[in-house]
PDB file of all heavy atoms in Angstrom:
ATOM      1  N   GLU A   1      19.289 -10.394  -2.146  1.00  0.00           N
ATOM      2  CA  GLU A   1      19.225 -10.112  -3.569  1.00  0.00           C
ATOM      3  C   GLU A   1      18.311 -11.043  -4.357  1.00  0.00           C
ATOM      4  O   GLU A   1      18.050 -10.816  -5.530  1.00  0.00           O
ATOM      5  CB  GLU A   1      20.680 -10.166  -4.156  1.00  0.00           C
ATOM      6  CG  GLU A   1      21.545  -9.081  -3.581  1.00  0.00           C
ATOM      7  CD  GLU A   1      22.976  -9.179  -4.114  1.00  0.00           C
ATOM      8  OE1 GLU A   1      23.267 -10.130  -4.878  1.00  0.00           O
ATOM      9  OE2 GLU A   1      23.793  -8.241  -3.832  1.00  0.00           O
ATOM     10  N   ARG A   2      17.853 -12.095  -3.702  1.00  0.00           N
ATOM     11  CA  ARG A   2      16.917 -13.046  -4.330  1.00  0.00           C
ATOM     12  C   ARG A   2      15.489 -12.540  -4.306  1.00  0.00           C
ATOM     13  O   ARG A   2      14.599 -13.145  -4.956  1.00  0.00           O
ATOM     14  CB  ARG A   2      16.965 -14.394  -3.673  1.00  0.00           C
ATOM     15  CG  ARG A   2      18.377 -15.047  -3.604  1.00  0.00           C
ATOM     16  CD  ARG A   2      18.366 -16.238  -2.718  1.00  0.00           C
ATOM     17  NE  ARG A   2      17.975 -15.930  -1.335  1.00  0.00           N
ATOM     18  CZ  ARG A   2      17.676 -16.836  -0.425  1.00  0.00           C
ATOM     19  NH1 ARG A   2      17.708 -18.127  -0.716  1.00  0.00           N
ATOM     20  NH2 ARG A   2      17.331 -16.447   0.792  1.00  0.00           N
ATOM     21  N   VAL A   3      15.266 -11.432  -3.603  1.00  0.00           N
ATOM     22  CA  VAL A   3      13.890 -10.919  -3.403  1.00  0.00           C
ATOM     23  C   VAL A   3      13.846  -9.477  -3.840  1.00  0.00           C
ATOM     24  O   VAL A   3      14.662  -8.680  -3.413  1.00  0.00           O
ATOM     25  CB  VAL A   3      13.431 -11.048  -1.914  1.00  0.00           C
ATOM     26  CG1 VAL A   3      11.989 -10.665  -1.827  1.00  0.00           C
ATOM     27  CG2 VAL A   3      13.705 -12.443  -1.389  1.00  0.00           C
ATOM     28  N   LEU A   4      12.830  -9.138  -4.621  1.00  0.00           N
ATOM     29  CA  LEU A   4      12.487  -7.743  -4.883  1.00  0.00           C
ATOM     30  C   LEU A   4      11.176  -7.427  -4.248  1.00  0.00           C
ATOM     31  O   LEU A   4      10.205  -8.151  -4.462  1.00  0.00           O
ATOM     32  CB  LEU A   4      12.399  -7.496  -6.395  1.00  0.00           C
ATOM     33  CG  LEU A   4      11.858  -6.103  -6.804  1.00  0.00           C
ATOM     34  CD1 LEU A   4      12.840  -5.022  -6.449  1.00  0.00           C
ATOM     35  CD2 LEU A   4      11.534  -6.075  -8.280  1.00  0.00           C
ATOM     36  N   MET A   5      11.117  -6.397  -3.415  1.00  0.00           N
ATOM     37  CA  MET A   5       9.886  -6.006  -2.785  1.00  0.00           C
ATOM     38  C   MET A   5       9.441  -4.663  -3.359  1.00  0.00           C
ATOM     39  O   MET A   5      10.205  -3.674  -3.359  1.00  0.00           O
ATOM     40  CB  MET A   5      10.036  -5.868  -1.270  1.00  0.00           C
ATOM     41  CG  MET A   5       8.764  -5.462  -0.536  1.00  0.00           C
ATOM     42  SD  MET A   5       8.996  -5.388   1.269  1.00  0.00           S
ATOM     43  CE  MET A   5       7.355  -4.846   1.795  1.00  0.00           C
ATOM     44  N   VAL A   6       8.236  -4.600  -3.868  1.00  0.00           N
ATOM     45  CA  VAL A   6       7.645  -3.328  -4.344  1.00  0.00           C
ATOM     46  C   VAL A   6       6.412  -3.062  -3.497  1.00  0.00           C
ATOM     47  O   VAL A   6       5.642  -3.974  -3.224  1.00  0.00           O
ATOM     48  CB  VAL A   6       7.302  -3.363  -5.831  1.00  0.00           C
ATOM     49  CG1 VAL A   6       8.593  -3.642  -6.667  1.00  0.00           C
ATOM     50  CG2 VAL A   6       6.262  -4.391  -6.165  1.00  0.00           C
ATOM     51  N   SER A   7       6.268  -1.803  -3.084  1.00  0.00           N
ATOM     52  CA  SER A   7       5.117  -1.500  -2.175  1.00  0.00           C
ATOM     53  C   SER A   7       4.619  -0.086  -2.383  1.00  0.00           C
ATOM     54  O   SER A   7       5.343   0.817  -2.861  1.00  0.00           O
ATOM     55  CB  SER A   7       5.518  -1.695  -0.721  1.00  0.00           C
ATOM     56  OG  SER A   7       6.521  -0.803  -0.342  1.00  0.00           O
ATOM     57  N   ILE A   8       3.375   0.105  -2.084  1.00  0.00           N
ATOM     58  CA  ILE A   8       2.782   1.397  -1.859  1.00  0.00           C
ATOM     59  C   ILE A   8       2.308   1.508  -0.425  1.00  0.00           C
ATOM     60  O   ILE A   8       1.952   0.473   0.193  1.00  0.00           O
ATOM     61  CB  ILE A   8       1.584   1.669  -2.823  1.00  0.00           C
ATOM     62  CG1 ILE A   8       0.471   0.639  -2.622  1.00  0.00           C
ATOM     63  CG2 ILE A   8       2.051   1.715  -4.248  1.00  0.00           C
ATOM     64  CD1 ILE A   8      -0.819   0.988  -3.317  1.00  0.00           C
ATOM     65  N   PHE A   9       2.222   2.680   0.133  1.00  0.00           N
ATOM     66  CA  PHE A   9       1.726   2.869   1.457  1.00  0.00           C
ATOM     67  C   PHE A   9       1.540   4.399   1.686  1.00  0.00           C
ATOM     68  O   PHE A   9       2.225   5.181   1.123  1.00  0.00           O
ATOM     69  CB  PHE A   9       2.649   2.299   2.523  1.00  0.00           C
ATOM     70  CG  PHE A   9       4.069   2.724   2.383  1.00  0.00           C
ATOM     71  CD1 PHE A   9       4.552   3.856   3.049  1.00  0.00           C
ATOM     72  CD2 PHE A   9       4.955   2.005   1.594  1.00  0.00           C
ATOM     73  CE1 PHE A   9       5.863   4.234   2.937  1.00  0.00           C
ATOM     74  CE2 PHE A   9       6.286   2.389   1.467  1.00  0.00           C
ATOM     75  CZ  PHE A   9       6.725   3.499   2.149  1.00  0.00           C
ATOM     76  N   GLN A  10       0.559   4.664   2.516  1.00  0.00           N
ATOM     77  CA  GLN A  10       0.323   6.084   2.904  1.00  0.00           C
ATOM     78  C   GLN A  10       1.472   6.552   3.770  1.00  0.00           C
ATOM     79  O   GLN A  10       1.916   5.818   4.694  1.00  0.00           O
ATOM     80  CB  GLN A  10      -1.010   6.241   3.625  1.00  0.00           C
ATOM     81  CG  GLN A  10      -1.358   7.687   3.974  1.00  0.00           C
ATOM     82  CD  GLN A  10      -2.704   7.786   4.654  1.00  0.00           C
ATOM     83  OE1 GLN A  10      -3.645   7.088   4.302  1.00  0.00           O
ATOM     84  NE2 GLN A  10      -2.809   8.694   5.629  1.00  0.00           N
ATOM     85  N   ASP A  11       1.938   7.758   3.566  1.00  0.00           N
ATOM     86  CA  ASP A  11       2.998   8.355   4.371  1.00  0.00           C
ATOM     87  C   ASP A  11       2.708   9.830   4.599  1.00  0.00           C
ATOM     88  O   ASP A  11       2.479  10.565   3.619  1.00  0.00           O
ATOM     89  CB  ASP A  11       4.311   8.190   3.630  1.00  0.00           C
ATOM     90  CG  ASP A  11       5.527   8.714   4.407  1.00  0.00           C
ATOM     91  OD1 ASP A  11       5.679   8.233   5.544  1.00  0.00           O
ATOM     92  OD2 ASP A  11       6.225   9.584   3.888  1.00  0.00           O
ATOM     93  N   PRO A  12       2.672  10.260   5.855  1.00  0.00           N
ATOM     94  CA  PRO A  12       2.985   9.478   7.098  1.00  0.00           C
ATOM     95  C   PRO A  12       1.768   8.677   7.572  1.00  0.00           C
ATOM     96  O   PRO A  12       0.630   9.113   7.434  1.00  0.00           O
ATOM     97  CB  PRO A  12       3.339  10.560   8.112  1.00  0.00           C
ATOM     98  CG  PRO A  12       2.541  11.751   7.662  1.00  0.00           C
ATOM     99  CD  PRO A  12       2.523  11.705   6.154  1.00  0.00           C
ATOM    100  N   LEU A  13       2.012   7.532   8.131  1.00  0.00           N
ATOM    101  CA  LEU A  13       1.006   6.632   8.712  1.00  0.00           C
ATOM    102  C   LEU A  13       1.762   5.520   9.391  1.00  0.00           C
ATOM    103  O   LEU A  13       2.871   5.184   8.988  1.00  0.00           O
ATOM    104  CB  LEU A  13       0.032   6.141   7.651  1.00  0.00           C
ATOM    105  CG  LEU A  13      -1.201   5.381   8.126  1.00  0.00           C
ATOM    106  CD1 LEU A  13      -2.179   6.313   8.841  1.00  0.00           C
ATOM    107  CD2 LEU A  13      -1.929   4.673   6.945  1.00  0.00           C
ATOM    108  N   TYR A  14       1.105   4.908  10.390  1.00  0.00           N
ATOM    109  CA  TYR A  14       1.679   3.748  11.047  1.00  0.00           C
ATOM    110  C   TYR A  14       2.197   2.770  10.014  1.00  0.00           C
ATOM    111  O   TYR A  14       1.532   2.532   9.011  1.00  0.00           O
ATOM    112  CB  TYR A  14       0.576   3.075  11.911  1.00  0.00           C
ATOM    113  CG  TYR A  14       1.092   1.828  12.660  1.00  0.00           C
ATOM    114  CD1 TYR A  14       1.616   1.935  13.939  1.00  0.00           C
ATOM    115  CD2 TYR A  14       1.000   0.599  12.041  1.00  0.00           C
ATOM    116  CE1 TYR A  14       2.075   0.784  14.566  1.00  0.00           C
ATOM    117  CE2 TYR A  14       1.459  -0.559  12.641  1.00  0.00           C
ATOM    118  CZ  TYR A  14       1.989  -0.443  13.938  1.00  0.00           C
ATOM    119  OH  TYR A  14       2.448  -1.570  14.592  1.00  0.00           O
ATOM    120  N   PRO A  15       3.369   2.178  10.209  1.00  0.00           N
ATOM    121  CA  PRO A  15       4.273   2.268  11.362  1.00  0.00           C
ATOM    122  C   PRO A  15       5.387   3.327  11.209  1.00  0.00           C
ATOM    123  O   PRO A  15       6.427   3.229  11.851  1.00  0.00           O
ATOM    124  CB  PRO A  15       4.892   0.886  11.379  1.00  0.00           C
ATOM    125  CG  PRO A  15       5.002   0.477   9.955  1.00  0.00           C
ATOM    126  CD  PRO A  15       3.776   1.103   9.285  1.00  0.00           C
ATOM    127  N   TYR A  16       5.076   4.338  10.406  1.00  0.00           N
ATOM    128  CA  TYR A  16       5.986   5.496  10.259  1.00  0.00           C
ATOM    129  C   TYR A  16       7.379   5.066   9.804  1.00  0.00           C
ATOM    130  O   TYR A  16       8.411   5.427  10.387  1.00  0.00           O
ATOM    131  CB  TYR A  16       6.013   6.288  11.548  1.00  0.00           C
ATOM    132  CG  TYR A  16       4.644   6.760  11.960  1.00  0.00           C
ATOM    133  CD1 TYR A  16       3.954   6.096  12.955  1.00  0.00           C
ATOM    134  CD2 TYR A  16       3.971   7.788  11.277  1.00  0.00           C
ATOM    135  CE1 TYR A  16       2.685   6.447  13.318  1.00  0.00           C
ATOM    136  CE2 TYR A  16       2.681   8.150  11.620  1.00  0.00           C
ATOM    137  CZ  TYR A  16       2.037   7.494  12.658  1.00  0.00           C
ATOM    138  OH  TYR A  16       0.764   7.881  12.985  1.00  0.00           O
ATOM    139  N   SER A  17       7.396   4.256   8.753  1.00  0.00           N
ATOM    140  CA  SER A  17       8.637   3.762   8.174  1.00  0.00           C
ATOM    141  C   SER A  17       8.477   3.640   6.683  1.00  0.00           C
ATOM    142  O   SER A  17       7.369   3.860   6.159  1.00  0.00           O
ATOM    143  CB  SER A  17       8.978   2.413   8.786  1.00  0.00           C
ATOM    144  OG  SER A  17       7.977   1.443   8.500  1.00  0.00           O
ATOM    145  N   GLY A  18       9.572   3.312   5.988  1.00  0.00           N
ATOM    146  CA  GLY A  18       9.501   3.042   4.572  1.00  0.00           C
ATOM    147  C   GLY A  18       9.916   4.148   3.627  1.00  0.00           C
ATOM    148  O   GLY A  18      10.209   3.944   2.490  1.00  0.00           O
ATOM    149  N   ALA A  19       9.906   5.409   4.148  1.00  0.00           N
ATOM    150  CA  ALA A  19      10.270   6.510   3.281  1.00  0.00           C
ATOM    151  C   ALA A  19      11.705   6.380   2.797  1.00  0.00           C
ATOM    152  O   ALA A  19      12.014   6.725   1.651  1.00  0.00           O
ATOM    153  CB  ALA A  19      10.068   7.832   4.013  1.00  0.00           C
ATOM    154  N   VAL A  20      12.544   5.818   3.652  1.00  0.00           N
ATOM    155  CA  VAL A  20      13.933   5.486   3.248  1.00  0.00           C
ATOM    156  C   VAL A  20      14.057   3.978   3.294  1.00  0.00           C
ATOM    157  O   VAL A  20      14.035   3.375   4.360  1.00  0.00           O
ATOM    158  CB  VAL A  20      14.966   6.145   4.200  1.00  0.00           C
ATOM    159  CG1 VAL A  20      16.393   5.727   3.795  1.00  0.00           C
ATOM    160  CG2 VAL A  20      14.795   7.646   4.245  1.00  0.00           C
ATOM    161  N   PRO A  21      14.198   3.313   2.132  1.00  0.00           N
ATOM    162  CA  PRO A  21      14.250   1.858   2.109  1.00  0.00           C
ATOM    163  C   PRO A  21      15.475   1.325   2.872  1.00  0.00           C
ATOM    164  O   PRO A  21      16.538   1.964   2.905  1.00  0.00           O
ATOM    165  CB  PRO A  21      14.329   1.522   0.652  1.00  0.00           C
ATOM    166  CG  PRO A  21      13.851   2.734  -0.100  1.00  0.00           C
ATOM    167  CD  PRO A  21      14.171   3.880   0.783  1.00  0.00           C
ATOM    168  N   LYS A  22      15.314   0.137   3.476  1.00  0.00           N
ATOM    169  CA  LYS A  22      16.441  -0.488   4.205  1.00  0.00           C
ATOM    170  C   LYS A  22      17.413  -1.190   3.297  1.00  0.00           C
ATOM    171  O   LYS A  22      18.503  -1.502   3.709  1.00  0.00           O
ATOM    172  CB  LYS A  22      15.867  -1.495   5.204  1.00  0.00           C
ATOM    173  CG  LYS A  22      15.248  -0.901   6.472  1.00  0.00           C
ATOM    174  CD  LYS A  22      14.996  -1.996   7.504  1.00  0.00           C
ATOM    175  CE  LYS A  22      14.618  -1.409   8.829  1.00  0.00           C
ATOM    176  NZ  LYS A  22      14.425  -2.452   9.850  1.00  0.00           N
ATOM    177  N   GLY A  23      16.989  -1.479   2.072  1.00  0.00           N
ATOM    178  CA  GLY A  23      17.899  -2.226   1.138  1.00  0.00           C
ATOM    179  C   GLY A  23      17.682  -1.784  -0.288  1.00  0.00           C
ATOM    180  O   GLY A  23      16.656  -1.171  -0.632  1.00  0.00           O
ATOM    181  N   GLU A  24      18.628  -2.126  -1.136  1.00  0.00           N
ATOM    182  CA  GLU A  24      18.519  -1.770  -2.543  1.00  0.00           C
ATOM    183  C   GLU A  24      17.510  -2.627  -3.283  1.00  0.00           C
ATOM    184  O   GLU A  24      17.171  -2.355  -4.435  1.00  0.00           O
ATOM    185  CB  GLU A  24      19.892  -1.885  -3.221  1.00  0.00           C
ATOM    186  CG  GLU A  24      20.878  -0.839  -2.686  1.00  0.00           C
ATOM    187  CD  GLU A  24      22.208  -0.906  -3.417  1.00  0.00           C
ATOM    188  OE1 GLU A  24      22.366  -1.769  -4.272  1.00  0.00           O
ATOM    189  OE2 GLU A  24      23.087  -0.052  -3.039  1.00  0.00           O
ATOM    190  N   ASN A  25      17.018  -3.704  -2.647  1.00  0.00           N
ATOM    191  CA  ASN A  25      16.045  -4.587  -3.283  1.00  0.00           C
ATOM    192  C   ASN A  25      14.619  -4.159  -2.934  1.00  0.00           C
ATOM    193  O   ASN A  25      13.711  -4.986  -2.885  1.00  0.00           O
ATOM    194  CB  ASN A  25      16.266  -6.022  -2.832  1.00  0.00           C
ATOM    195  CG  ASN A  25      16.181  -6.250  -1.304  1.00  0.00           C
ATOM    196  OD1 ASN A  25      16.557  -5.339  -0.546  1.00  0.00           O
ATOM    197  ND2 ASN A  25      15.700  -7.383  -0.893  1.00  0.00           N
ATOM    198  N   MET A  26      14.420  -2.852  -2.729  1.00  0.00           N
ATOM    199  CA  MET A  26      13.092  -2.284  -2.379  1.00  0.00           C
ATOM    200  C   MET A  26      12.746  -1.216  -3.375  1.00  0.00           C
ATOM    201  O   MET A  26      13.581  -0.391  -3.778  1.00  0.00           O
ATOM    202  CB  MET A  26      13.132  -1.642  -1.000  1.00  0.00           C
ATOM    203  CG  MET A  26      13.706  -2.462   0.106  1.00  0.00           C
ATOM    204  SD  MET A  26      12.539  -3.694   0.662  1.00  0.00           S
ATOM    205  CE  MET A  26      13.616  -4.692   1.699  1.00  0.00           C
ATOM    206  N   VAL A  27      11.485  -1.197  -3.755  1.00  0.00           N
ATOM    207  CA  VAL A  27      10.899  -0.056  -4.467  1.00  0.00           C
ATOM    208  C   VAL A  27       9.727   0.418  -3.624  1.00  0.00           C
ATOM    209  O   VAL A  27       8.600  -0.148  -3.688  1.00  0.00           O
ATOM    210  CB  VAL A  27      10.466  -0.408  -5.912  1.00  0.00           C
ATOM    211  CG1 VAL A  27       9.828   0.806  -6.574  1.00  0.00           C
ATOM    212  CG2 VAL A  27      11.606  -0.942  -6.732  1.00  0.00           C
ATOM    213  N   ASN A  28       9.951   1.364  -2.773  1.00  0.00           N
ATOM    214  CA  ASN A  28       8.965   1.875  -1.851  1.00  0.00           C
ATOM    215  C   ASN A  28       8.326   3.156  -2.428  1.00  0.00           C
ATOM    216  O   ASN A  28       9.043   4.052  -2.803  1.00  0.00           O
ATOM    217  CB  ASN A  28       9.558   2.238  -0.481  1.00  0.00           C
ATOM    218  CG  ASN A  28      10.086   1.030   0.280  1.00  0.00           C
ATOM    219  OD1 ASN A  28      10.007  -0.123  -0.225  1.00  0.00           O
ATOM    220  ND2 ASN A  28      10.642   1.248   1.448  1.00  0.00           N
ATOM    221  N   LEU A  29       6.991   3.180  -2.426  1.00  0.00           N
ATOM    222  CA  LEU A  29       6.294   4.354  -2.941  1.00  0.00           C
ATOM    223  C   LEU A  29       5.455   4.943  -1.823  1.00  0.00           C
ATOM    224  O   LEU A  29       4.273   4.594  -1.646  1.00  0.00           O
ATOM    225  CB  LEU A  29       5.377   3.960  -4.130  1.00  0.00           C
ATOM    226  CG  LEU A  29       6.028   3.327  -5.379  1.00  0.00           C
ATOM    227  CD1 LEU A  29       5.019   3.122  -6.464  1.00  0.00           C
ATOM    228  CD2 LEU A  29       7.181   4.198  -5.837  1.00  0.00           C
TER     229      LEU A  29
END
């Protein structure tokens, strides 16, 4: 909870992850 990660990335593309965030401290685009 001390870290907020915001990211953009092409999807689908290696490493074929990120569409569903692993934690609530993520803003994945």
